[in-house]
Amino acid sequence: MDKGTTQPIESEDERLTPRWLRRSSAWAWQLGLLLLGMIAVYWLVTHFLVVTLPLMTVAVLSTLTIPPRDALVRRGMKPSIAASIVVLGSIAVLMLGVAALAPSFANQLGDLGPKMEDGYESVLDWVESGPIGYDRDELKDFGSRLGDSLSSGNTGVVESVVKGASTAFEFFAGLALLVVVLFFVTKDSEDLMAWADDRLPGSYRSTATALGSRAWTALSGYVRGTATIALIDALGIGLALLVLGVPLVIPLTMLVFLGGFLPVIGATVAGLVAVLVALADGGPLTALLVLAAVIAVQQLEGHILQPVIMRRAVSLHPIVILVALATGSAMLGIVGAFLSVPAAAVISAVGNELRLRSERNLLSDDTRTDAPPEPLGGPGKAEVPLAEVCADGANEPTDDAADEPG
């Protein structure tokens, strides 16, 4: 040991308490505070749903409205006019699309349930008369008990969602809030970020800017990438259904598109519905062809579309996605399921950036001011060596491996 170094003086309590116990206690306090924070967020989200739900939806939708607004501003248009064109134009296109598809969708949607029931009965017939030889009554009883269990388990979720928007006034108030906030976020996104930055202490601004950049990159990449993949999946499966002469093409195509926003399980469930309808209408051969088309589209998505389109988004493990979907649906029902995975992507990106800065000792009081405002990591970006982000270049890490997404 060097002569100039001194050992920290431990108190009597520290000497008597094992180090592992002190560390465990510190971790327990931190985990307890984290749990309290999660409970507080849950309470705020569920008790002020008419406000929090539009704000969360705006955060997702703004990733789709800000890029075209920026393109119009670069062509010399005022931000207010550009935001008005983008937001009002998107609403107009959505309303025209609903008006055009609603009649045929409503007419075909009434046949979707009976077709699925017929397909389900065909599967039961095959199970009973085929090589399995299982009693169909037992299968139907198991299905009904499973449905009752799911329904009873989701009663609280449905009640909480209905309670949050129990009146027409709350619904339209939330819708109006969504449109107004979306317009201002689209119009003044840079000003809002600058306003938030000015409210932070100077030593925290660089880190907050980097965290915001990572969060925005992850959220925008995920939303735009997921929407693109869902559209390609819907068009591919819808075209296969049209070629094979399967009925209910429009509702099934829309179901596939919406299912694309529920990773892992959404596309699978939508594909199974299409197979059941094909089985009821065209028999086993048509159902097998539809199944082959669904598998082909999903293989195209997993091996080509996902790596190319989602390269700027955060990579999440399927288990993380399933846990996020379950948590979101338990909190906010189907809306929570749609919003949970983007939220998980943002949390993963922010946590990754905090880890990189902690490894480079850029979060302490002494080094926080010198921290760069640019993210140190991100999808497709190598970790920045410490010599490039600190003026003195001290404590440069030896591990300069690229940072994986998320």
Protein backbone atom coordinates (compact mmCIF):
# COMPACT_ATOMS: atom_id res chain seq x y z
CA MET A 1 0.00 0.00 0.00
CA ASP A 2 1.29 3.48 -0.88
CA LYS A 3 2.34 5.72 1.96
CA GLY A 4 0.05 8.50 0.76
CA THR A 5 -3.10 6.37 0.92
CA THR A 6 -5.20 6.03 4.03
CA GLN A 7 -7.79 3.46 4.93
CA PRO A 8 -11.30 4.77 5.73
CA ILE A 9 -12.01 4.69 9.45
CA GLU A 10 -14.85 2.31 10.29
CA SER A 11 -17.16 2.99 13.17
CA GLU A 12 -17.82 0.47 15.93
CA ASP A 13 -21.18 -0.48 14.37
CA GLU A 14 -19.55 -1.05 10.98
CA ARG A 15 -16.91 -3.32 12.49
CA LEU A 16 -19.54 -5.36 14.29
CA THR A 17 -21.85 -5.64 11.27
CA PRO A 18 -20.77 -8.06 8.51
CA ARG A 19 -20.08 -6.42 5.17
CA TRP A 20 -22.52 -8.70 3.36
CA LEU A 21 -25.29 -7.59 5.71
CA ARG A 22 -24.53 -3.90 5.14
CA ARG A 23 -24.57 -4.42 1.39
CA SER A 24 -27.80 -6.40 1.55
CA SER A 25 -29.41 -3.68 3.63
CA ALA A 26 -28.36 -1.03 1.12
CA TRP A 27 -29.81 -3.08 -1.74
CA ALA A 28 -33.01 -3.65 0.23
CA TRP A 29 -33.48 0.09 0.78
CA GLN A 30 -32.88 0.82 -2.91
CA LEU A 31 -35.28 -1.90 -4.03
CA GLY A 32 -37.86 -0.66 -1.52
CA LEU A 33 -37.63 2.88 -2.87
CA LEU A 34 -37.92 1.55 -6.42
CA LEU A 35 -41.01 -0.43 -5.45
CA LEU A 36 -42.57 2.63 -3.81
CA GLY A 37 -41.89 4.63 -6.96
CA MET A 38 -43.56 1.98 -9.11
CA ILE A 39 -46.58 1.94 -6.80
CA ALA A 40 -46.80 5.74 -6.99
CA VAL A 41 -46.66 5.65 -10.80
CA TYR A 42 -49.35 2.96 -10.90
CA TRP A 43 -51.59 5.00 -8.57
CA LEU A 44 -51.18 8.16 -10.64
CA VAL A 45 -51.79 6.37 -13.94
CA THR A 46 -54.91 4.52 -12.82
CA HIS A 47 -56.51 7.30 -10.75
CA PHE A 48 -56.00 10.04 -13.35
CA LEU A 49 -56.62 7.91 -16.41
CA VAL A 50 -58.46 10.65 -18.29
CA VAL A 51 -55.21 12.67 -18.23
CA THR A 52 -52.44 10.06 -18.17
CA LEU A 53 -53.84 7.91 -20.97
CA PRO A 54 -53.97 10.77 -23.54
CA LEU A 55 -50.48 11.90 -22.51
CA MET A 56 -49.03 8.41 -22.95
CA THR A 57 -50.80 8.09 -26.29
CA VAL A 58 -49.42 11.46 -27.38
CA ALA A 59 -45.90 10.29 -26.56
CA VAL A 60 -46.39 7.37 -28.95
CA LEU A 61 -48.22 9.28 -31.70
CA SER A 62 -45.73 12.15 -31.68
CA THR A 63 -43.09 9.79 -33.04
CA LEU A 64 -45.23 9.60 -36.18
CA THR A 65 -46.18 13.30 -36.46
CA ILE A 66 -42.91 15.10 -35.68
CA PRO A 67 -40.85 13.74 -38.63
CA PRO A 68 -43.29 14.97 -41.34
CA ARG A 69 -43.62 18.28 -39.47
CA ASP A 70 -39.82 18.65 -39.53
CA ALA A 71 -39.81 17.90 -43.25
CA LEU A 72 -42.36 20.66 -43.91
CA VAL A 73 -40.44 23.15 -41.73
CA ARG A 74 -37.24 22.44 -43.65
CA ARG A 75 -39.11 23.47 -46.79
CA GLY A 76 -39.82 26.88 -45.32
CA MET A 77 -43.22 26.34 -43.70
CA LYS A 78 -44.01 27.83 -40.30
CA PRO A 79 -44.06 25.28 -37.46
CA SER A 80 -47.67 26.08 -36.52
CA ILE A 81 -48.90 25.60 -40.09
CA ALA A 82 -46.82 22.44 -40.54
CA ALA A 83 -48.16 20.97 -37.28
CA SER A 84 -51.73 21.84 -38.26
CA ILE A 85 -51.35 20.14 -41.64
CA VAL A 86 -49.81 17.01 -40.12
CA VAL A 87 -52.23 16.60 -37.19
CA LEU A 88 -55.43 17.64 -38.94
CA GLY A 89 -54.40 15.79 -42.09
CA SER A 90 -53.79 12.61 -40.11
CA ILE A 91 -57.21 12.92 -38.46
CA ALA A 92 -58.85 13.52 -41.85
CA VAL A 93 -57.12 10.51 -43.42
CA LEU A 94 -58.12 8.35 -40.45
CA MET A 95 -61.75 9.46 -40.65
CA LEU A 96 -61.88 8.90 -44.42
CA GLY A 97 -60.39 5.45 -43.99
CA VAL A 98 -62.91 4.57 -41.30
CA ALA A 99 -65.77 5.90 -43.43
CA ALA A 100 -64.60 3.87 -46.43
CA LEU A 101 -64.00 0.60 -44.60
CA ALA A 102 -66.66 0.77 -41.89
CA PRO A 103 -69.64 -0.48 -43.98
CA SER A 104 -67.90 -3.56 -45.37
CA PHE A 105 -66.09 -4.14 -42.09
CA ALA A 106 -69.34 -4.03 -40.12
CA ASN A 107 -71.07 -6.37 -42.57
CA GLN A 108 -68.26 -8.92 -42.45
CA LEU A 109 -67.52 -8.60 -38.75
CA GLY A 110 -70.88 -10.14 -37.86
CA ASP A 111 -69.84 -13.31 -39.72
CA LEU A 112 -66.42 -13.54 -38.08
CA GLY A 113 -67.70 -15.07 -34.83
CA PRO A 114 -69.78 -17.82 -36.48
CA LYS A 115 -66.92 -18.64 -38.85
CA MET A 116 -64.50 -18.98 -35.95
CA GLU A 117 -67.04 -21.17 -34.13
CA ASP A 118 -67.38 -23.39 -37.20
CA GLY A 119 -63.60 -23.68 -37.45
CA TYR A 120 -63.37 -24.53 -33.78
CA GLU A 121 -66.01 -27.24 -34.19
CA SER A 122 -64.06 -28.66 -37.15
CA VAL A 123 -60.95 -28.89 -35.00
CA LEU A 124 -62.93 -30.67 -32.26
CA ASP A 125 -64.32 -33.12 -34.82
CA TRP A 126 -60.80 -33.94 -36.02
CA VAL A 127 -59.49 -34.32 -32.45
CA GLU A 128 -62.35 -36.69 -31.56
CA SER A 129 -62.32 -38.80 -34.73
CA GLY A 130 -58.61 -38.55 -35.51
CA PRO A 131 -55.60 -40.34 -34.04
CA ILE A 132 -55.87 -38.46 -30.73
CA GLY A 133 -59.36 -39.74 -29.95
CA TYR A 134 -60.01 -37.21 -27.19
CA ASP A 135 -63.54 -36.57 -25.95
CA ARG A 136 -64.79 -33.30 -27.46
CA ASP A 137 -67.08 -32.65 -24.51
CA GLU A 138 -64.09 -32.61 -22.18
CA LEU A 139 -62.28 -30.21 -24.52
CA LYS A 140 -65.28 -27.89 -24.71
CA ASP A 141 -65.66 -28.02 -20.94
CA PHE A 142 -61.96 -27.17 -20.54
CA GLY A 143 -62.32 -24.26 -22.98
CA SER A 144 -65.35 -22.89 -21.16
CA ARG A 145 -63.62 -23.15 -17.78
CA LEU A 146 -60.53 -21.44 -19.20
CA GLY A 147 -62.68 -18.65 -20.61
CA ASP A 148 -64.47 -18.22 -17.29
CA SER A 149 -61.14 -18.08 -15.49
CA LEU A 150 -59.77 -15.44 -17.83
CA SER A 151 -62.96 -13.44 -17.61
CA SER A 152 -63.02 -13.51 -13.82
CA GLY A 153 -59.33 -12.65 -13.67
CA ASN A 154 -59.80 -9.62 -15.90
CA THR A 155 -62.91 -8.33 -14.14
CA GLY A 156 -60.89 -5.88 -12.07
CA VAL A 157 -59.02 -4.69 -15.15
CA VAL A 158 -62.21 -4.04 -17.09
CA GLU A 159 -63.79 -2.32 -14.11
CA SER A 160 -60.74 -0.10 -13.62
CA VAL A 161 -60.71 0.91 -17.27
CA VAL A 162 -64.45 1.56 -17.32
CA LYS A 163 -64.20 3.49 -14.08
CA GLY A 164 -61.49 5.73 -15.56
CA ALA A 165 -63.72 6.66 -18.50
CA SER A 166 -67.18 5.96 -17.13
CA THR A 167 -68.89 8.96 -18.67
CA ALA A 168 -69.08 10.38 -22.16
CA PHE A 169 -67.73 13.66 -20.84
CA GLU A 170 -64.52 12.02 -19.64
CA PHE A 171 -64.11 10.21 -22.94
CA PHE A 172 -64.47 13.30 -25.09
CA ALA A 173 -62.42 15.36 -22.65
CA GLY A 174 -59.60 12.86 -22.95
CA LEU A 175 -59.94 12.80 -26.74
CA ALA A 176 -59.87 16.59 -26.93
CA LEU A 177 -56.85 16.68 -24.61
CA LEU A 178 -55.09 14.15 -26.82
CA VAL A 179 -55.62 16.18 -30.00
CA VAL A 180 -54.64 19.51 -28.42
CA VAL A 181 -51.53 18.18 -26.69
CA LEU A 182 -50.50 16.27 -29.82
CA PHE A 183 -50.73 19.50 -31.83
CA PHE A 184 -48.57 21.47 -29.39
CA VAL A 185 -46.04 18.67 -28.97
CA THR A 186 -45.76 18.40 -32.76
CA LYS A 187 -45.48 22.17 -33.13
CA ASP A 188 -43.19 23.02 -30.20
CA SER A 189 -41.18 19.85 -29.59
CA GLU A 190 -37.83 21.69 -29.56
CA ASP A 191 -39.16 24.50 -27.37
CA LEU A 192 -40.62 22.00 -24.90
CA MET A 193 -37.27 20.20 -24.63
CA ALA A 194 -35.46 23.51 -24.13
CA TRP A 195 -37.99 24.55 -21.47
CA ALA A 196 -37.51 21.29 -19.58
CA ASP A 197 -33.73 21.60 -19.92
CA ASP A 198 -33.77 25.11 -18.41
CA ARG A 199 -35.57 23.81 -15.31
CA LEU A 200 -32.76 21.39 -14.48
CA PRO A 201 -29.58 22.23 -12.54
CA GLY A 202 -26.67 22.89 -14.86
CA SER A 203 -24.74 19.82 -13.76
CA TYR A 204 -27.63 17.53 -14.72
CA ARG A 205 -28.46 18.98 -18.14
CA SER A 206 -25.98 16.99 -20.21
CA THR A 207 -27.05 13.69 -18.68
CA ALA A 208 -30.75 14.55 -18.99
CA THR A 209 -30.26 15.52 -22.65
CA ALA A 210 -28.51 12.23 -23.39
CA LEU A 211 -31.19 10.22 -21.59
CA GLY A 212 -33.93 12.06 -23.46
CA SER A 213 -32.19 11.41 -26.76
CA ARG A 214 -31.87 7.69 -26.01
CA ALA A 215 -35.51 7.49 -24.92
CA TRP A 216 -36.75 9.31 -28.04
CA THR A 217 -34.59 7.19 -30.37
CA ALA A 218 -35.87 3.99 -28.78
CA LEU A 219 -39.52 5.06 -28.75
CA SER A 220 -39.60 6.49 -32.27
CA GLY A 221 -37.66 3.57 -33.71
CA TYR A 222 -39.94 1.06 -32.02
CA VAL A 223 -43.24 2.73 -32.97
CA ARG A 224 -42.36 3.45 -36.60
CA GLY A 225 -40.69 0.09 -37.05
CA THR A 226 -43.58 -1.82 -35.49
CA ALA A 227 -46.14 0.08 -37.57
CA THR A 228 -44.20 -0.66 -40.76
CA ILE A 229 -43.84 -4.36 -39.95
CA ALA A 230 -47.50 -4.65 -38.92
CA LEU A 231 -48.58 -3.06 -42.21
CA ILE A 232 -46.38 -5.42 -44.25
CA ASP A 233 -47.67 -8.44 -42.31
CA ALA A 234 -51.27 -7.37 -42.81
CA LEU A 235 -50.82 -6.78 -46.53
CA GLY A 236 -49.01 -10.09 -47.00
CA ILE A 237 -51.52 -12.21 -45.10
CA GLY A 238 -54.46 -10.24 -46.50
CA LEU A 239 -53.23 -10.85 -50.05
CA ALA A 240 -52.89 -14.57 -49.33
CA LEU A 241 -56.45 -14.68 -47.96
CA LEU A 242 -57.72 -12.85 -51.03
CA VAL A 243 -55.93 -15.20 -53.45
CA LEU A 244 -57.18 -18.30 -51.61
CA GLY A 245 -60.74 -16.98 -51.60
CA VAL A 246 -61.08 -16.87 -47.82
CA PRO A 247 -64.00 -14.70 -46.69
CA LEU A 248 -63.80 -11.82 -44.20
CA VAL A 249 -60.58 -10.51 -45.74
CA ILE A 250 -61.00 -6.93 -44.45
CA PRO A 251 -61.61 -7.71 -40.75
CA LEU A 252 -58.93 -10.41 -40.75
CA THR A 253 -56.41 -8.05 -42.36
CA MET A 254 -57.19 -5.35 -39.81
CA LEU A 255 -56.90 -7.92 -37.02
CA VAL A 256 -53.44 -8.90 -38.27
CA PHE A 257 -52.40 -5.24 -38.44
CA LEU A 258 -53.55 -4.52 -34.89
CA GLY A 259 -52.00 -7.76 -33.68
CA GLY A 260 -48.64 -6.55 -34.97
CA PHE A 261 -48.57 -4.00 -32.15
CA LEU A 262 -48.67 -6.83 -29.59
CA PRO A 263 -45.29 -8.51 -30.16
CA VAL A 264 -44.86 -12.26 -29.81
CA ILE A 265 -48.55 -13.06 -29.25
CA GLY A 266 -50.50 -10.63 -31.46
CA ALA A 267 -49.50 -11.95 -34.87
CA THR A 268 -49.83 -15.56 -33.70
CA VAL A 269 -53.38 -15.07 -32.41
CA ALA A 270 -54.44 -13.16 -35.53
CA GLY A 271 -52.96 -15.88 -37.74
CA LEU A 272 -54.81 -18.61 -35.85
CA VAL A 273 -58.09 -16.74 -36.31
CA ALA A 274 -57.44 -16.58 -40.06
CA VAL A 275 -56.68 -20.31 -40.11
CA LEU A 276 -59.92 -21.11 -38.25
CA VAL A 277 -61.96 -19.04 -40.71
CA ALA A 278 -60.24 -20.75 -43.65
CA LEU A 279 -60.89 -24.17 -42.10
CA ALA A 280 -64.58 -23.43 -41.65
CA ASP A 281 -65.03 -22.04 -45.16
CA GLY A 282 -62.65 -24.00 -47.38
CA GLY A 283 -61.71 -27.11 -45.47
CA PRO A 284 -58.35 -28.48 -44.28
CA LEU A 285 -56.45 -27.77 -47.53
CA THR A 286 -57.32 -24.08 -47.53
CA ALA A 287 -56.53 -23.88 -43.82
CA LEU A 288 -53.12 -25.45 -44.40
CA LEU A 289 -52.38 -23.00 -47.22
CA VAL A 290 -53.36 -20.08 -45.00
CA LEU A 291 -51.20 -21.49 -42.21
CA ALA A 292 -48.28 -21.78 -44.63
CA ALA A 293 -48.80 -18.16 -45.70
CA VAL A 294 -48.90 -16.98 -42.08
CA ILE A 295 -45.72 -18.89 -41.24
CA ALA A 296 -43.98 -17.55 -44.37
CA VAL A 297 -44.88 -13.96 -43.51
CA GLN A 298 -43.74 -14.39 -39.91
CA GLN A 299 -40.45 -15.93 -41.05
CA LEU A 300 -39.96 -12.98 -43.40
CA GLU A 301 -40.65 -10.66 -40.49
CA GLY A 302 -38.31 -12.41 -38.06
CA HIS A 303 -35.32 -12.87 -40.36
CA ILE A 304 -35.49 -9.88 -42.73
CA LEU A 305 -37.91 -7.17 -41.60
CA GLN A 306 -37.01 -7.13 -37.91
CA PRO A 307 -33.21 -6.82 -38.37
CA VAL A 308 -33.52 -4.18 -41.11
CA ILE A 309 -36.43 -2.03 -39.92
CA MET A 310 -35.95 -2.32 -36.15
CA ARG A 311 -32.20 -1.65 -36.09
CA ARG A 312 -32.77 1.76 -34.43
CA ALA A 313 -35.13 0.38 -31.82
CA VAL A 314 -34.28 -1.38 -28.59
CA SER A 315 -33.92 -5.14 -28.72
CA LEU A 316 -36.09 -6.77 -26.05
CA HIS A 317 -36.08 -10.43 -25.07
CA PRO A 318 -39.41 -12.22 -25.64
CA ILE A 319 -39.73 -12.86 -21.89
CA VAL A 320 -39.41 -9.12 -21.21
CA ILE A 321 -42.07 -8.45 -23.85
CA LEU A 322 -44.46 -11.00 -22.34
CA VAL A 323 -43.98 -9.59 -18.84
CA ALA A 324 -44.54 -6.06 -20.15
CA LEU A 325 -47.70 -7.13 -21.96
CA ALA A 326 -49.04 -8.87 -18.86
CA THR A 327 -48.25 -5.87 -16.65
CA GLY A 328 -49.74 -3.36 -19.07
CA SER A 329 -52.92 -5.36 -19.57
CA ALA A 330 -53.31 -5.80 -15.80
CA MET A 331 -53.05 -2.04 -15.30
CA LEU A 332 -54.97 -0.63 -18.27
CA GLY A 333 -56.47 -3.56 -20.14
CA ILE A 334 -55.99 -3.72 -23.91
CA VAL A 335 -54.74 -0.11 -24.02
CA GLY A 336 -52.06 -0.97 -21.49
CA ALA A 337 -51.02 -3.96 -23.57
CA PHE A 338 -50.45 -1.69 -26.58
CA LEU A 339 -48.49 0.89 -24.56
CA SER A 340 -46.48 -1.47 -22.36
CA VAL A 341 -43.84 -2.61 -24.86
CA PRO A 342 -42.93 0.93 -26.03
CA ALA A 343 -42.60 1.87 -22.35
CA ALA A 344 -40.35 -1.14 -21.77
CA ALA A 345 -38.22 -0.12 -24.76
CA VAL A 346 -37.77 3.38 -23.32
CA ILE A 347 -36.91 2.04 -19.85
CA SER A 348 -34.38 -0.36 -21.35
CA ALA A 349 -32.70 2.39 -23.38
CA VAL A 350 -32.53 4.82 -20.45
CA GLY A 351 -31.19 2.10 -18.15
CA ASN A 352 -28.52 1.21 -20.70
CA GLU A 353 -27.40 4.84 -20.98
CA LEU A 354 -27.24 5.17 -17.18
CA ARG A 355 -25.12 2.02 -17.01
CA LEU A 356 -22.65 3.36 -19.57
CA ARG A 357 -22.30 6.66 -17.72
CA SER A 358 -21.96 4.93 -14.37
CA GLU A 359 -19.18 2.71 -15.72
CA ARG A 360 -17.33 5.86 -16.83
CA ASN A 361 -17.96 7.63 -13.51
CA LEU A 362 -19.97 10.38 -15.21
CA LEU A 363 -22.80 10.48 -12.67
CA SER A 364 -20.92 11.73 -9.63
CA ASP A 365 -20.93 15.34 -8.43
CA ASP A 366 -17.36 15.87 -9.65
CA THR A 367 -17.74 14.49 -13.18
CA ARG A 368 -21.40 15.17 -14.00
CA THR A 369 -20.66 18.66 -15.34
CA ASP A 370 -18.12 17.28 -17.84
CA ALA A 371 -20.47 14.57 -19.12
CA PRO A 372 -21.31 14.87 -22.83
CA PRO A 373 -24.89 15.64 -23.94
CA GLU A 374 -24.63 13.00 -26.66
CA PRO A 375 -25.61 9.42 -25.79
CA LEU A 376 -22.70 7.09 -25.13
CA GLY A 377 -24.53 4.09 -26.55
CA GLY A 378 -27.46 3.07 -28.63
CA PRO A 379 -28.46 0.71 -31.43
CA GLY A 380 -25.59 0.32 -33.84
CA LYS A 381 -23.37 2.77 -31.91
CA ALA A 382 -20.07 1.85 -30.32
CA GLU A 383 -19.46 2.77 -26.74
CA VAL A 384 -17.55 6.04 -26.56
CA PRO A 385 -14.15 5.72 -24.87
CA LEU A 386 -13.74 7.76 -21.73
CA ALA A 387 -10.83 9.70 -23.24
CA GLU A 388 -13.24 11.21 -25.76
CA VAL A 389 -15.83 12.34 -23.23
CA CYS A 390 -13.64 13.63 -20.39
CA ALA A 391 -11.22 16.50 -20.81
CA ASP A 392 -8.38 14.82 -18.94
CA GLY A 393 -8.96 11.36 -20.45
CA ALA A 394 -8.35 9.72 -17.09
CA ASN A 395 -9.65 6.31 -16.08
CA GLU A 396 -10.07 5.11 -19.65
CA PRO A 397 -11.78 1.70 -19.63
CA THR A 398 -10.05 -1.29 -21.14
CA ASP A 399 -13.21 -2.82 -22.55
CA ASP A 400 -14.04 -0.95 -25.76
CA ALA A 401 -16.49 -3.48 -27.14
CA ALA A 402 -19.52 -2.23 -29.00
CA ASP A 403 -22.62 -1.73 -26.98
CA GLU A 404 -25.39 -4.03 -28.00
CA PRO A 405 -28.87 -2.58 -28.64
CA GLY A 406 -30.73 -1.83 -25.43
